[in-house]
Amino acid sequence: MGKIVLRLDRMMVERKISLNELAERVGISNVNLSKIKNNKVTAIRFSTLAAICDVLKCDAGDILEFQKGE
């Protein structure tokens, strides 16, 4: 079975934004954003994803990646 991988780290580097700044602008804690950035979550709220995309000026597809299973 495939899985969804979050590529937030790449987008943050491209946009030159720190974890602290993004967390503050999105309105979530640094700890929760760090978990999202490091793929330590099993779910993400659409409202959080939308807020991240709004701040980073990107589409959800720029952050979410599907990896096929074996």
PDB file of N, CA and C in Angstrom:
ATOM      1  N   MET A   1       0.838  -1.179   0.000  1.00  0.00           N
ATOM      2  CA  MET A   1       0.000   0.000   0.000  1.00  0.00           C
ATOM      3  C   MET A   1       0.884   1.245   0.000  1.00  0.00           C
ATOM      4  N   GLY A   2       0.482   2.235  -0.724  1.00  0.00           N
ATOM      5  CA  GLY A   2       1.224   3.486  -0.783  1.00  0.00           C
ATOM      6  C   GLY A   2       0.991   4.335   0.447  1.00  0.00           C
ATOM      7  N   LYS A   3       1.693   5.450   0.509  1.00  0.00           N
ATOM      8  CA  LYS A   3       1.529   6.363   1.636  1.00  0.00           C
ATOM      9  C   LYS A   3       1.742   7.796   1.175  1.00  0.00           C
ATOM     10  N   ILE A   4       1.203   8.709   1.954  1.00  0.00           N
ATOM     11  CA  ILE A   4       1.368  10.134   1.714  1.00  0.00           C
ATOM     12  C   ILE A   4       2.533  10.619   2.564  1.00  0.00           C
ATOM     13  N   VAL A   5       3.447  11.343   1.934  1.00  0.00           N
ATOM     14  CA  VAL A   5       4.605  11.895   2.627  1.00  0.00           C
ATOM     15  C   VAL A   5       4.519  13.415   2.547  1.00  0.00           C
ATOM     16  N   LEU A   6       4.781  14.069   3.664  1.00  0.00           N
ATOM     17  CA  LEU A   6       4.766  15.527   3.704  1.00  0.00           C
ATOM     18  C   LEU A   6       6.150  16.058   3.342  1.00  0.00           C
ATOM     19  N   ARG A   7       6.206  16.990   2.435  1.00  0.00           N
ATOM     20  CA  ARG A   7       7.461  17.590   1.989  1.00  0.00           C
ATOM     21  C   ARG A   7       7.541  19.060   2.424  1.00  0.00           C
ATOM     22  N   LEU A   8       7.044  19.323   3.604  1.00  0.00           N
ATOM     23  CA  LEU A   8       7.041  20.686   4.122  1.00  0.00           C
ATOM     24  C   LEU A   8       8.458  21.221   4.281  1.00  0.00           C
ATOM     25  N   ASP A   9       9.383  20.356   4.659  1.00  0.00           N
ATOM     26  CA  ASP A   9      10.769  20.799   4.844  1.00  0.00           C
ATOM     27  C   ASP A   9      11.341  21.412   3.572  1.00  0.00           C
ATOM     28  N   ARG A  10      11.087  20.784   2.440  1.00  0.00           N
ATOM     29  CA  ARG A  10      11.568  21.316   1.154  1.00  0.00           C
ATOM     30  C   ARG A  10      10.979  22.687   0.857  1.00  0.00           C
ATOM     31  N   MET A  11       9.673  22.789   1.078  1.00  0.00           N
ATOM     32  CA  MET A  11       8.986  24.044   0.767  1.00  0.00           C
ATOM     33  C   MET A  11       9.477  25.165   1.686  1.00  0.00           C
ATOM     34  N   MET A  12       9.756  24.843   2.936  1.00  0.00           N
ATOM     35  CA  MET A  12      10.262  25.852   3.865  1.00  0.00           C
ATOM     36  C   MET A  12      11.644  26.350   3.431  1.00  0.00           C
ATOM     37  N   VAL A  13      12.481  25.446   2.944  1.00  0.00           N
ATOM     38  CA  VAL A  13      13.807  25.838   2.451  1.00  0.00           C
ATOM     39  C   VAL A  13      13.659  26.722   1.216  1.00  0.00           C
ATOM     40  N   GLU A  14      12.787  26.314   0.283  1.00  0.00           N
ATOM     41  CA  GLU A  14      12.569  27.101  -0.933  1.00  0.00           C
ATOM     42  C   GLU A  14      12.070  28.505  -0.620  1.00  0.00           C
ATOM     43  N   ARG A  15      11.192  28.602   0.389  1.00  0.00           N
ATOM     44  CA  ARG A  15      10.590  29.893   0.738  1.00  0.00           C
ATOM     45  C   ARG A  15      11.425  30.658   1.773  1.00  0.00           C
ATOM     46  N   LYS A  16      12.495  30.023   2.252  1.00  0.00           N
ATOM     47  CA  LYS A  16      13.401  30.646   3.231  1.00  0.00           C
ATOM     48  C   LYS A  16      12.642  31.132   4.459  1.00  0.00           C
ATOM     49  N   ILE A  17      11.884  30.222   5.061  1.00  0.00           N
ATOM     50  CA  ILE A  17      11.113  30.543   6.258  1.00  0.00           C
ATOM     51  C   ILE A  17      11.461  29.541   7.354  1.00  0.00           C
ATOM     52  N   SER A  18      11.600  30.034   8.558  1.00  0.00           N
ATOM     53  CA  SER A  18      11.970  29.176   9.679  1.00  0.00           C
ATOM     54  C   SER A  18      10.737  28.497  10.265  1.00  0.00           C
ATOM     55  N   LEU A  19      10.992  27.459  11.025  1.00  0.00           N
ATOM     56  CA  LEU A  19       9.917  26.736  11.703  1.00  0.00           C
ATOM     57  C   LEU A  19       9.160  27.674  12.634  1.00  0.00           C
ATOM     58  N   ASN A  20       9.888  28.476  13.400  1.00  0.00           N
ATOM     59  CA  ASN A  20       9.244  29.392  14.352  1.00  0.00           C
ATOM     60  C   ASN A  20       8.370  30.414  13.640  1.00  0.00           C
ATOM     61  N   GLU A  21       8.869  30.983  12.554  1.00  0.00           N
ATOM     62  CA  GLU A  21       8.092  31.985  11.825  1.00  0.00           C
ATOM     63  C   GLU A  21       6.843  31.370  11.204  1.00  0.00           C
ATOM     64  N   LEU A  22       7.008  30.197  10.582  1.00  0.00           N
ATOM     65  CA  LEU A  22       5.847  29.557   9.961  1.00  0.00           C
ATOM     66  C   LEU A  22       4.813  29.172  11.007  1.00  0.00           C
ATOM     67  N   ALA A  23       5.245  28.621  12.122  1.00  0.00           N
ATOM     68  CA  ALA A  23       4.316  28.232  13.189  1.00  0.00           C
ATOM     69  C   ALA A  23       3.527  29.443  13.680  1.00  0.00           C
ATOM     70  N   GLU A  24       4.222  30.545  13.879  1.00  0.00           N
ATOM     71  CA  GLU A  24       3.559  31.762  14.355  1.00  0.00           C
ATOM     72  C   GLU A  24       2.543  32.271  13.336  1.00  0.00           C
ATOM     73  N   ARG A  25       2.938  32.297  12.073  1.00  0.00           N
ATOM     74  CA  ARG A  25       2.045  32.819  11.028  1.00  0.00           C
ATOM     75  C   ARG A  25       0.865  31.893  10.754  1.00  0.00           C
ATOM     76  N   VAL A  26       1.054  30.576  10.928  1.00  0.00           N
ATOM     77  CA  VAL A  26      -0.038  29.616  10.718  1.00  0.00           C
ATOM     78  C   VAL A  26      -0.952  29.553  11.935  1.00  0.00           C
ATOM     79  N   GLY A  27      -0.375  29.791  13.116  1.00  0.00           N
ATOM     80  CA  GLY A  27      -1.172  29.757  14.347  1.00  0.00           C
ATOM     81  C   GLY A  27      -1.178  28.406  15.021  1.00  0.00           C
ATOM     82  N   ILE A  28      -0.082  27.645  14.877  1.00  0.00           N
ATOM     83  CA  ILE A  28       0.039  26.371  15.583  1.00  0.00           C
ATOM     84  C   ILE A  28       1.358  26.367  16.351  1.00  0.00           C
ATOM     85  N   SER A  29       1.483  25.435  17.274  1.00  0.00           N
ATOM     86  CA  SER A  29       2.696  25.390  18.095  1.00  0.00           C
ATOM     87  C   SER A  29       3.896  24.899  17.284  1.00  0.00           C
ATOM     88  N   ASN A  30       5.067  25.288  17.737  1.00  0.00           N
ATOM     89  CA  ASN A  30       6.305  24.834  17.096  1.00  0.00           C
ATOM     90  C   ASN A  30       6.390  23.316  17.126  1.00  0.00           C
ATOM     91  N   VAL A  31       5.968  22.720  18.228  1.00  0.00           N
ATOM     92  CA  VAL A  31       6.037  21.260  18.387  1.00  0.00           C
ATOM     93  C   VAL A  31       5.168  20.575  17.335  1.00  0.00           C
ATOM     94  N   ASN A  32       3.938  21.048  17.173  1.00  0.00           N
ATOM     95  CA  ASN A  32       3.039  20.429  16.190  1.00  0.00           C
ATOM     96  C   ASN A  32       3.548  20.631  14.764  1.00  0.00           C
ATOM     97  N   LEU A  33       4.055  21.819  14.464  1.00  0.00           N
ATOM     98  CA  LEU A  33       4.583  22.061  13.121  1.00  0.00           C
ATOM     99  C   LEU A  33       5.820  21.205  12.873  1.00  0.00           C
ATOM    100  N   SER A  34       6.634  21.032  13.883  1.00  0.00           N
ATOM    101  CA  SER A  34       7.826  20.184  13.756  1.00  0.00           C
ATOM    102  C   SER A  34       7.429  18.746  13.438  1.00  0.00           C
ATOM    103  N   LYS A  35       6.373  18.254  14.072  1.00  0.00           N
ATOM    104  CA  LYS A  35       5.884  16.899  13.795  1.00  0.00           C
ATOM    105  C   LYS A  35       5.412  16.783  12.353  1.00  0.00           C
ATOM    106  N   ILE A  36       4.734  17.804  11.862  1.00  0.00           N
ATOM    107  CA  ILE A  36       4.276  17.800  10.470  1.00  0.00           C
ATOM    108  C   ILE A  36       5.490  17.815   9.540  1.00  0.00           C
ATOM    109  N   LYS A  37       6.436  18.694   9.830  1.00  0.00           N
ATOM    110  CA  LYS A  37       7.634  18.840   8.998  1.00  0.00           C
ATOM    111  C   LYS A  37       8.443  17.548   8.926  1.00  0.00           C
ATOM    112  N   ASN A  38       8.479  16.810  10.012  1.00  0.00           N
ATOM    113  CA  ASN A  38       9.291  15.598  10.083  1.00  0.00           C
ATOM    114  C   ASN A  38       8.502  14.308   9.852  1.00  0.00           C
ATOM    115  N   ASN A  39       7.289  14.438   9.298  1.00  0.00           N
ATOM    116  CA  ASN A  39       6.443  13.282   8.973  1.00  0.00           C
ATOM    117  C   ASN A  39       6.151  12.394  10.171  1.00  0.00           C
ATOM    118  N   LYS A  40       5.903  13.007  11.312  1.00  0.00           N
ATOM    119  CA  LYS A  40       5.598  12.256  12.528  1.00  0.00           C
ATOM    120  C   LYS A  40       4.100  12.296  12.850  1.00  0.00           C
ATOM    121  N   VAL A  41       3.288  12.636  11.858  1.00  0.00           N
ATOM    122  CA  VAL A  41       1.839  12.701  12.051  1.00  0.00           C
ATOM    123  C   VAL A  41       1.150  11.698  11.132  1.00  0.00           C
ATOM    124  N   THR A  42      -0.025  11.268  11.539  1.00  0.00           N
ATOM    125  CA  THR A  42      -0.810  10.364  10.696  1.00  0.00           C
ATOM    126  C   THR A  42      -1.984  11.091  10.049  1.00  0.00           C
ATOM    127  N   ALA A  43      -2.211  12.328  10.469  1.00  0.00           N
ATOM    128  CA  ALA A  43      -3.308  13.114   9.908  1.00  0.00           C
ATOM    129  C   ALA A  43      -2.967  14.592  10.045  1.00  0.00           C
ATOM    130  N   ILE A  44      -3.570  15.393   9.172  1.00  0.00           N
ATOM    131  CA  ILE A  44      -3.428  16.849   9.243  1.00  0.00           C
ATOM    132  C   ILE A  44      -4.776  17.451   8.876  1.00  0.00           C
ATOM    133  N   ARG A  45      -5.191  18.426   9.635  1.00  0.00           N
ATOM    134  CA  ARG A  45      -6.472  19.080   9.354  1.00  0.00           C
ATOM    135  C   ARG A  45      -6.364  19.875   8.057  1.00  0.00           C
ATOM    136  N   PHE A  46      -7.428  19.864   7.294  1.00  0.00           N
ATOM    137  CA  PHE A  46      -7.436  20.641   6.060  1.00  0.00           C
ATOM    138  C   PHE A  46      -7.238  22.125   6.354  1.00  0.00           C
ATOM    139  N   SER A  47      -7.789  22.601   7.468  1.00  0.00           N
ATOM    140  CA  SER A  47      -7.633  24.018   7.806  1.00  0.00           C
ATOM    141  C   SER A  47      -6.161  24.356   8.083  1.00  0.00           C
ATOM    142  N   THR A  48      -5.430  23.434   8.699  1.00  0.00           N
ATOM    143  CA  THR A  48      -4.005  23.642   8.947  1.00  0.00           C
ATOM    144  C   THR A  48      -3.239  23.608   7.640  1.00  0.00           C
ATOM    145  N   LEU A  49      -3.551  22.638   6.788  1.00  0.00           N
ATOM    146  CA  LEU A  49      -2.896  22.535   5.488  1.00  0.00           C
ATOM    147  C   LEU A  49      -3.165  23.786   4.657  1.00  0.00           C
ATOM    148  N   ALA A  50      -4.397  24.271   4.687  1.00  0.00           N
ATOM    149  CA  ALA A  50      -4.750  25.483   3.943  1.00  0.00           C
ATOM    150  C   ALA A  50      -3.981  26.692   4.469  1.00  0.00           C
ATOM    151  N   ALA A  51      -3.843  26.799   5.782  1.00  0.00           N
ATOM    152  CA  ALA A  51      -3.112  27.919   6.381  1.00  0.00           C
ATOM    153  C   ALA A  51      -1.634  27.865   6.001  1.00  0.00           C
ATOM    154  N   ILE A  52      -1.050  26.667   6.011  1.00  0.00           N
ATOM    155  CA  ILE A  52       0.350  26.505   5.612  1.00  0.00           C
ATOM    156  C   ILE A  52       0.522  26.915   4.152  1.00  0.00           C
ATOM    157  N   CYS A  53      -0.373  26.440   3.294  1.00  0.00           N
ATOM    158  CA  CYS A  53      -0.301  26.787   1.870  1.00  0.00           C
ATOM    159  C   CYS A  53      -0.473  28.284   1.655  1.00  0.00           C
ATOM    160  N   ASP A  54      -1.339  28.901   2.431  1.00  0.00           N
ATOM    161  CA  ASP A  54      -1.572  30.336   2.313  1.00  0.00           C
ATOM    162  C   ASP A  54      -0.302  31.109   2.655  1.00  0.00           C
ATOM    163  N   VAL A  55       0.344  30.752   3.757  1.00  0.00           N
ATOM    164  CA  VAL A  55       1.565  31.437   4.185  1.00  0.00           C
ATOM    165  C   VAL A  55       2.702  31.193   3.199  1.00  0.00           C
ATOM    166  N   LEU A  56       2.835  29.948   2.738  1.00  0.00           N
ATOM    167  CA  LEU A  56       3.937  29.606   1.836  1.00  0.00           C
ATOM    168  C   LEU A  56       3.642  29.922   0.367  1.00  0.00           C
ATOM    169  N   LYS A  57       2.407  30.341   0.098  1.00  0.00           N
ATOM    170  CA  LYS A  57       1.971  30.651  -1.268  1.00  0.00           C
ATOM    171  C   LYS A  57       2.254  29.477  -2.211  1.00  0.00           C
ATOM    172  N   CYS A  58       1.661  28.340  -1.850  1.00  0.00           N
ATOM    173  CA  CYS A  58       1.848  27.126  -2.641  1.00  0.00           C
ATOM    174  C   CYS A  58       0.539  26.340  -2.662  1.00  0.00           C
ATOM    175  N   ASP A  59       0.526  25.256  -3.407  1.00  0.00           N
ATOM    176  CA  ASP A  59      -0.623  24.354  -3.451  1.00  0.00           C
ATOM    177  C   ASP A  59      -0.369  23.174  -2.529  1.00  0.00           C
ATOM    178  N   ALA A  60      -1.433  22.499  -2.118  1.00  0.00           N
ATOM    179  CA  ALA A  60      -1.293  21.323  -1.256  1.00  0.00           C
ATOM    180  C   ALA A  60      -0.408  20.265  -1.913  1.00  0.00           C
ATOM    181  N   GLY A  61      -0.485  20.153  -3.230  1.00  0.00           N
ATOM    182  CA  GLY A  61       0.331  19.190  -3.966  1.00  0.00           C
ATOM    183  C   GLY A  61       1.816  19.486  -3.917  1.00  0.00           C
ATOM    184  N   ASP A  62       2.169  20.711  -3.549  1.00  0.00           N
ATOM    185  CA  ASP A  62       3.580  21.054  -3.391  1.00  0.00           C
ATOM    186  C   ASP A  62       4.135  20.496  -2.080  1.00  0.00           C
ATOM    187  N   ILE A  63       3.242  20.192  -1.149  1.00  0.00           N
ATOM    188  CA  ILE A  63       3.637  19.712   0.176  1.00  0.00           C
ATOM    189  C   ILE A  63       3.380  18.216   0.327  1.00  0.00           C
ATOM    190  N   LEU A  64       2.307  17.725  -0.280  1.00  0.00           N
ATOM    191  CA  LEU A  64       1.934  16.313  -0.169  1.00  0.00           C
ATOM    192  C   LEU A  64       2.471  15.524  -1.348  1.00  0.00           C
ATOM    193  N   GLU A  65       3.037  14.362  -1.060  1.00  0.00           N
ATOM    194  CA  GLU A  65       3.560  13.501  -2.107  1.00  0.00           C
ATOM    195  C   GLU A  65       3.091  12.074  -1.864  1.00  0.00           C
ATOM    196  N   PHE A  66       2.627  11.416  -2.909  1.00  0.00           N
ATOM    197  CA  PHE A  66       2.215  10.015  -2.807  1.00  0.00           C
ATOM    198  C   PHE A  66       3.381   9.113  -3.188  1.00  0.00           C
ATOM    199  N   GLN A  67       3.699   8.172  -2.294  1.00  0.00           N
ATOM    200  CA  GLN A  67       4.743   7.189  -2.587  1.00  0.00           C
ATOM    201  C   GLN A  67       4.080   5.825  -2.729  1.00  0.00           C
ATOM    202  N   LYS A  68       4.288   5.183  -3.867  1.00  0.00           N
ATOM    203  CA  LYS A  68       3.707   3.880  -4.114  1.00  0.00           C
ATOM    204  C   LYS A  68       4.325   2.838  -3.196  1.00  0.00           C
ATOM    205  N   GLY A  69       3.502   1.893  -2.785  1.00  0.00           N
ATOM    206  CA  GLY A  69       3.978   0.807  -1.939  1.00  0.00           C
ATOM    207  C   GLY A  69       4.618  -0.291  -2.779  1.00  0.00           C
ATOM    208  N   GLU A  70       5.168  -1.244  -2.076  1.00  0.00           N
ATOM    209  CA  GLU A  70       5.843  -2.358  -2.779  1.00  0.00           C
ATOM    210  C   GLU A  70       4.857  -3.421  -3.197  1.00  0.00           C
TER     211      GLU A  70
END
